[in-house]
Amino acid sequence: MPQPSDREPAAGIDPDLLAILACPAEHHAPLELDPAGTELLCTECDRAFPIRDGIPVLLLDEARHRAG
């Protein structure tokens, strides 16, 4: 019988995967899940990467620049 996990997958993304994902820009900063669970946010630059069907789209051309 599977043991309960203390971490639930966010937006269908495995927490272990989320822990190793990094921004594809030259600084390779860690990414964090936004509160809505629809984007991954770079902790260093102003990019937000979409999550489509549970798959992070880590392409610089697909990222939007966050305001502010």
PDB file of N, CA and C in Angstrom:
ATOM      1  N   MET A   1       0.848  -1.176   0.000  1.00  0.00           N
ATOM      2  CA  MET A   1       0.000   0.000   0.000  1.00  0.00           C
ATOM      3  C   MET A   1       0.893   1.239   0.000  1.00  0.00           C
ATOM      4  N   PRO A   2       0.610   2.231  -0.886  1.00  0.00           N
ATOM      5  CA  PRO A   2       1.459   3.416  -0.957  1.00  0.00           C
ATOM      6  C   PRO A   2       1.382   4.238   0.334  1.00  0.00           C
ATOM      7  N   GLN A   3       2.516   4.784   0.706  1.00  0.00           N
ATOM      8  CA  GLN A   3       2.570   5.652   1.875  1.00  0.00           C
ATOM      9  C   GLN A   3       2.119   7.056   1.487  1.00  0.00           C
ATOM     10  N   PRO A   4       1.396   7.739   2.360  1.00  0.00           N
ATOM     11  CA  PRO A   4       1.002   9.113   2.042  1.00  0.00           C
ATOM     12  C   PRO A   4       2.227  10.012   1.921  1.00  0.00           C
ATOM     13  N   SER A   5       2.174  10.906   0.981  1.00  0.00           N
ATOM     14  CA  SER A   5       3.278  11.826   0.763  1.00  0.00           C
ATOM     15  C   SER A   5       3.050  13.096   1.569  1.00  0.00           C
ATOM     16  N   ASP A   6       4.145  13.645   2.088  1.00  0.00           N
ATOM     17  CA  ASP A   6       4.013  14.905   2.803  1.00  0.00           C
ATOM     18  C   ASP A   6       4.013  16.083   1.836  1.00  0.00           C
ATOM     19  N   ARG A   7       4.273  15.792   0.554  1.00  0.00           N
ATOM     20  CA  ARG A   7       4.230  16.837  -0.473  1.00  0.00           C
ATOM     21  C   ARG A   7       3.274  16.395  -1.569  1.00  0.00           C
ATOM     22  N   GLU A   8       2.341  17.243  -1.868  1.00  0.00           N
ATOM     23  CA  GLU A   8       1.398  16.955  -2.939  1.00  0.00           C
ATOM     24  C   GLU A   8       1.900  17.584  -4.228  1.00  0.00           C
ATOM     25  N   PRO A   9       1.715  16.917  -5.373  1.00  0.00           N
ATOM     26  CA  PRO A   9       2.109  17.529  -6.639  1.00  0.00           C
ATOM     27  C   PRO A   9       1.328  18.812  -6.885  1.00  0.00           C
ATOM     28  N   ALA A  10       2.007  19.841  -7.299  1.00  0.00           N
ATOM     29  CA  ALA A  10       1.375  21.114  -7.605  1.00  0.00           C
ATOM     30  C   ALA A  10       1.160  21.194  -9.105  1.00  0.00           C
ATOM     31  N   ALA A  11      -0.052  21.496  -9.495  1.00  0.00           N
ATOM     32  CA  ALA A  11      -0.396  21.650 -10.909  1.00  0.00           C
ATOM     33  C   ALA A  11       0.028  20.433 -11.721  1.00  0.00           C
ATOM     34  N   GLY A  12       0.026  19.267 -11.101  1.00  0.00           N
ATOM     35  CA  GLY A  12       0.413  18.060 -11.805  1.00  0.00           C
ATOM     36  C   GLY A  12       1.915  17.914 -11.963  1.00  0.00           C
ATOM     37  N   ILE A  13       2.694  18.797 -11.335  1.00  0.00           N
ATOM     38  CA  ILE A  13       4.153  18.723 -11.422  1.00  0.00           C
ATOM     39  C   ILE A  13       4.665  18.018 -10.179  1.00  0.00           C
ATOM     40  N   ASP A  14       5.451  17.003 -10.388  1.00  0.00           N
ATOM     41  CA  ASP A  14       6.033  16.256  -9.281  1.00  0.00           C
ATOM     42  C   ASP A  14       6.929  17.192  -8.463  1.00  0.00           C
ATOM     43  N   PRO A  15       6.799  17.183  -7.149  1.00  0.00           N
ATOM     44  CA  PRO A  15       7.627  18.065  -6.309  1.00  0.00           C
ATOM     45  C   PRO A  15       9.128  17.833  -6.481  1.00  0.00           C
ATOM     46  N   ASP A  16       9.535  16.602  -6.745  1.00  0.00           N
ATOM     47  CA  ASP A  16      10.954  16.331  -6.967  1.00  0.00           C
ATOM     48  C   ASP A  16      11.433  16.984  -8.262  1.00  0.00           C
ATOM     49  N   LEU A  17      10.600  16.991  -9.284  1.00  0.00           N
ATOM     50  CA  LEU A  17      10.938  17.661 -10.536  1.00  0.00           C
ATOM     51  C   LEU A  17      11.003  19.165 -10.318  1.00  0.00           C
ATOM     52  N   LEU A  18      10.029  19.705  -9.618  1.00  0.00           N
ATOM     53  CA  LEU A  18       9.992  21.142  -9.350  1.00  0.00           C
ATOM     54  C   LEU A  18      11.268  21.585  -8.618  1.00  0.00           C
ATOM     55  N   ALA A  19      11.781  20.743  -7.756  1.00  0.00           N
ATOM     56  CA  ALA A  19      12.975  21.076  -6.982  1.00  0.00           C
ATOM     57  C   ALA A  19      14.225  21.204  -7.849  1.00  0.00           C
ATOM     58  N   ILE A  20      14.259  20.562  -9.011  1.00  0.00           N
ATOM     59  CA  ILE A  20      15.461  20.614  -9.855  1.00  0.00           C
ATOM     60  C   ILE A  20      15.308  21.499 -11.083  1.00  0.00           C
ATOM     61  N   LEU A  21      14.113  22.000 -11.347  1.00  0.00           N
ATOM     62  CA  LEU A  21      13.918  22.870 -12.509  1.00  0.00           C
ATOM     63  C   LEU A  21      14.628  24.197 -12.294  1.00  0.00           C
ATOM     64  N   ALA A  22      15.168  24.754 -13.385  1.00  0.00           N
ATOM     65  CA  ALA A  22      15.861  26.037 -13.329  1.00  0.00           C
ATOM     66  C   ALA A  22      15.494  26.865 -14.548  1.00  0.00           C
ATOM     67  N   CYS A  23      15.621  28.156 -14.407  1.00  0.00           N
ATOM     68  CA  CYS A  23      15.368  29.074 -15.510  1.00  0.00           C
ATOM     69  C   CYS A  23      16.344  28.747 -16.645  1.00  0.00           C
ATOM     70  N   PRO A  24      15.866  28.724 -17.877  1.00  0.00           N
ATOM     71  CA  PRO A  24      16.761  28.410 -18.993  1.00  0.00           C
ATOM     72  C   PRO A  24      17.682  29.566 -19.395  1.00  0.00           C
ATOM     73  N   ALA A  25      17.498  30.748 -18.798  1.00  0.00           N
ATOM     74  CA  ALA A  25      18.390  31.876 -19.093  1.00  0.00           C
ATOM     75  C   ALA A  25      19.767  31.587 -18.498  1.00  0.00           C
ATOM     76  N   GLU A  26      20.735  32.409 -18.865  1.00  0.00           N
ATOM     77  CA  GLU A  26      22.130  32.149 -18.496  1.00  0.00           C
ATOM     78  C   GLU A  26      22.390  32.058 -16.995  1.00  0.00           C
ATOM     79  N   HIS A  27      21.533  32.604 -16.145  1.00  0.00           N
ATOM     80  CA  HIS A  27      21.762  32.548 -14.696  1.00  0.00           C
ATOM     81  C   HIS A  27      21.279  31.244 -14.064  1.00  0.00           C
ATOM     82  N   HIS A  28      20.398  30.506 -14.725  1.00  0.00           N
ATOM     83  CA  HIS A  28      19.900  29.198 -14.262  1.00  0.00           C
ATOM     84  C   HIS A  28      19.389  29.225 -12.821  1.00  0.00           C
ATOM     85  N   ALA A  29      18.645  30.281 -12.492  1.00  0.00           N
ATOM     86  CA  ALA A  29      18.095  30.429 -11.142  1.00  0.00           C
ATOM     87  C   ALA A  29      16.960  29.432 -10.916  1.00  0.00           C
ATOM     88  N   PRO A  30      16.704  29.096  -9.658  1.00  0.00           N
ATOM     89  CA  PRO A  30      15.586  28.189  -9.350  1.00  0.00           C
ATOM     90  C   PRO A  30      14.244  28.805  -9.751  1.00  0.00           C
ATOM     91  N   LEU A  31      13.276  27.934  -9.974  1.00  0.00           N
ATOM     92  CA  LEU A  31      11.923  28.363 -10.316  1.00  0.00           C
ATOM     93  C   LEU A  31      10.977  28.027  -9.172  1.00  0.00           C
ATOM     94  N   GLU A  32       9.950  28.864  -9.003  1.00  0.00           N
ATOM     95  CA  GLU A  32       8.919  28.630  -7.997  1.00  0.00           C
ATOM     96  C   GLU A  32       7.569  28.605  -8.681  1.00  0.00           C
ATOM     97  N   LEU A  33       6.662  27.845  -8.136  1.00  0.00           N
ATOM     98  CA  LEU A  33       5.304  27.773  -8.650  1.00  0.00           C
ATOM     99  C   LEU A  33       4.534  29.002  -8.203  1.00  0.00           C
ATOM    100  N   ASP A  34       3.794  29.628  -9.120  1.00  0.00           N
ATOM    101  CA  ASP A  34       2.979  30.780  -8.734  1.00  0.00           C
ATOM    102  C   ASP A  34       1.795  30.311  -7.890  1.00  0.00           C
ATOM    103  N   PRO A  35       1.159  31.211  -7.143  1.00  0.00           N
ATOM    104  CA  PRO A  35       0.054  30.816  -6.261  1.00  0.00           C
ATOM    105  C   PRO A  35      -1.106  30.128  -6.981  1.00  0.00           C
ATOM    106  N   ALA A  36      -1.355  30.499  -8.218  1.00  0.00           N
ATOM    107  CA  ALA A  36      -2.451  29.883  -8.980  1.00  0.00           C
ATOM    108  C   ALA A  36      -2.069  28.515  -9.532  1.00  0.00           C
ATOM    109  N   GLY A  37      -0.773  28.205  -9.548  1.00  0.00           N
ATOM    110  CA  GLY A  37      -0.311  26.922 -10.063  1.00  0.00           C
ATOM    111  C   GLY A  37      -0.323  26.832 -11.570  1.00  0.00           C
ATOM    112  N   THR A  38      -0.271  27.982 -12.248  1.00  0.00           N
ATOM    113  CA  THR A  38      -0.328  27.979 -13.706  1.00  0.00           C
ATOM    114  C   THR A  38       0.977  28.379 -14.375  1.00  0.00           C
ATOM    115  N   GLU A  39       1.928  28.876 -13.581  1.00  0.00           N
ATOM    116  CA  GLU A  39       3.202  29.324 -14.135  1.00  0.00           C
ATOM    117  C   GLU A  39       4.332  29.006 -13.169  1.00  0.00           C
ATOM    118  N   LEU A  40       5.532  28.919 -13.731  1.00  0.00           N
ATOM    119  CA  LEU A  40       6.740  28.822 -12.930  1.00  0.00           C
ATOM    120  C   LEU A  40       7.429  30.174 -13.008  1.00  0.00           C
ATOM    121  N   LEU A  41       7.805  30.719 -11.871  1.00  0.00           N
ATOM    122  CA  LEU A  41       8.380  32.054 -11.797  1.00  0.00           C
ATOM    123  C   LEU A  41       9.862  31.961 -11.482  1.00  0.00           C
ATOM    124  N   CYS A  42      10.659  32.673 -12.254  1.00  0.00           N
ATOM    125  CA  CYS A  42      12.087  32.708 -12.006  1.00  0.00           C
ATOM    126  C   CYS A  42      12.346  33.534 -10.753  1.00  0.00           C
ATOM    127  N   THR A  43      13.233  33.047  -9.901  1.00  0.00           N
ATOM    128  CA  THR A  43      13.548  33.748  -8.662  1.00  0.00           C
ATOM    129  C   THR A  43      14.559  34.870  -8.880  1.00  0.00           C
ATOM    130  N   GLU A  44      15.090  35.001 -10.102  1.00  0.00           N
ATOM    131  CA  GLU A  44      16.093  36.034 -10.356  1.00  0.00           C
ATOM    132  C   GLU A  44      15.665  37.058 -11.412  1.00  0.00           C
ATOM    133  N   CYS A  45      15.077  36.606 -12.500  1.00  0.00           N
ATOM    134  CA  CYS A  45      14.653  37.542 -13.536  1.00  0.00           C
ATOM    135  C   CYS A  45      13.128  37.691 -13.489  1.00  0.00           C
ATOM    136  N   ASP A  46      12.579  38.447 -14.383  1.00  0.00           N
ATOM    137  CA  ASP A  46      11.138  38.717 -14.337  1.00  0.00           C
ATOM    138  C   ASP A  46      10.329  37.808 -15.261  1.00  0.00           C
ATOM    139  N   ARG A  47      10.846  36.628 -15.553  1.00  0.00           N
ATOM    140  CA  ARG A  47      10.151  35.725 -16.469  1.00  0.00           C
ATOM    141  C   ARG A  47       9.186  34.798 -15.731  1.00  0.00           C
ATOM    142  N   ALA A  48       8.077  34.518 -16.420  1.00  0.00           N
ATOM    143  CA  ALA A  48       7.087  33.553 -15.942  1.00  0.00           C
ATOM    144  C   ALA A  48       6.875  32.545 -17.065  1.00  0.00           C
ATOM    145  N   PHE A  49       7.074  31.271 -16.761  1.00  0.00           N
ATOM    146  CA  PHE A  49       6.966  30.203 -17.751  1.00  0.00           C
ATOM    147  C   PHE A  49       5.639  29.479 -17.575  1.00  0.00           C
ATOM    148  N   PRO A  50       4.889  29.291 -18.655  1.00  0.00           N
ATOM    149  CA  PRO A  50       3.576  28.648 -18.533  1.00  0.00           C
ATOM    150  C   PRO A  50       3.682  27.151 -18.240  1.00  0.00           C
ATOM    151  N   ILE A  51       2.640  26.637 -17.618  1.00  0.00           N
ATOM    152  CA  ILE A  51       2.481  25.198 -17.426  1.00  0.00           C
ATOM    153  C   ILE A  51       1.267  24.806 -18.251  1.00  0.00           C
ATOM    154  N   ARG A  52       1.487  23.958 -19.230  1.00  0.00           N
ATOM    155  CA  ARG A  52       0.390  23.535 -20.115  1.00  0.00           C
ATOM    156  C   ARG A  52       0.171  22.041 -19.972  1.00  0.00           C
ATOM    157  N   ASP A  53      -1.034  21.674 -19.598  1.00  0.00           N
ATOM    158  CA  ASP A  53      -1.389  20.259 -19.397  1.00  0.00           C
ATOM    159  C   ASP A  53      -0.415  19.571 -18.451  1.00  0.00           C
ATOM    160  N   GLY A  54       0.006  20.297 -17.412  1.00  0.00           N
ATOM    161  CA  GLY A  54       0.897  19.726 -16.414  1.00  0.00           C
ATOM    162  C   GLY A  54       2.354  19.684 -16.818  1.00  0.00           C
ATOM    163  N   ILE A  55       2.692  20.275 -17.969  1.00  0.00           N
ATOM    164  CA  ILE A  55       4.065  20.252 -18.470  1.00  0.00           C
ATOM    165  C   ILE A  55       4.628  21.671 -18.482  1.00  0.00           C
ATOM    166  N   PRO A  56       5.730  21.914 -17.770  1.00  0.00           N
ATOM    167  CA  PRO A  56       6.346  23.241 -17.805  1.00  0.00           C
ATOM    168  C   PRO A  56       6.955  23.511 -19.175  1.00  0.00           C
ATOM    169  N   VAL A  57       6.669  24.676 -19.720  1.00  0.00           N
ATOM    170  CA  VAL A  57       7.221  25.084 -21.009  1.00  0.00           C
ATOM    171  C   VAL A  57       8.372  26.040 -20.715  1.00  0.00           C
ATOM    172  N   LEU A  58       9.586  25.502 -20.682  1.00  0.00           N
ATOM    173  CA  LEU A  58      10.762  26.279 -20.295  1.00  0.00           C
ATOM    174  C   LEU A  58      11.525  26.786 -21.511  1.00  0.00           C
ATOM    175  N   LEU A  59      10.819  27.499 -22.354  1.00  0.00           N
ATOM    176  CA  LEU A  59      11.414  28.115 -23.536  1.00  0.00           C
ATOM    177  C   LEU A  59      11.396  29.624 -23.339  1.00  0.00           C
ATOM    178  N   LEU A  60      12.528  30.282 -23.544  1.00  0.00           N
ATOM    179  CA  LEU A  60      12.588  31.724 -23.349  1.00  0.00           C
ATOM    180  C   LEU A  60      11.588  32.457 -24.234  1.00  0.00           C
ATOM    181  N   ASP A  61      11.357  31.945 -25.444  1.00  0.00           N
ATOM    182  CA  ASP A  61      10.390  32.579 -26.351  1.00  0.00           C
ATOM    183  C   ASP A  61       8.954  32.459 -25.853  1.00  0.00           C
ATOM    184  N   GLU A  62       8.673  31.492 -25.009  1.00  0.00           N
ATOM    185  CA  GLU A  62       7.317  31.267 -24.492  1.00  0.00           C
ATOM    186  C   GLU A  62       7.078  31.986 -23.160  1.00  0.00           C
ATOM    187  N   ALA A  63       8.136  32.461 -22.523  1.00  0.00           N
ATOM    188  CA  ALA A  63       8.007  33.131 -21.222  1.00  0.00           C
ATOM    189  C   ALA A  63       7.439  34.524 -21.412  1.00  0.00           C
ATOM    190  N   ARG A  64       6.682  34.947 -20.405  1.00  0.00           N
ATOM    191  CA  ARG A  64       6.217  36.336 -20.411  1.00  0.00           C
ATOM    192  C   ARG A  64       7.014  37.081 -19.351  1.00  0.00           C
ATOM    193  N   HIS A  65       7.136  38.379 -19.549  1.00  0.00           N
ATOM    194  CA  HIS A  65       7.812  39.204 -18.551  1.00  0.00           C
ATOM    195  C   HIS A  65       6.757  39.730 -17.605  1.00  0.00           C
ATOM    196  N   ARG A  66       6.989  39.493 -16.319  1.00  0.00           N
ATOM    197  CA  ARG A  66       6.050  39.953 -15.299  1.00  0.00           C
ATOM    198  C   ARG A  66       6.194  41.441 -15.098  1.00  0.00           C
ATOM    199  N   ALA A  67       5.086  42.085 -14.834  1.00  0.00           N
ATOM    200  CA  ALA A  67       5.102  43.523 -14.575  1.00  0.00           C
ATOM    201  C   ALA A  67       5.657  43.789 -13.185  1.00  0.00           C
ATOM    202  N   GLY A  68       6.403  44.849 -13.092  1.00  0.00           N
ATOM    203  CA  GLY A  68       6.773  45.356 -11.835  1.00  0.00           C
ATOM    204  C   GLY A  68       7.860  44.934 -11.052  1.00  0.00           C
TER     205      GLY A  68
END
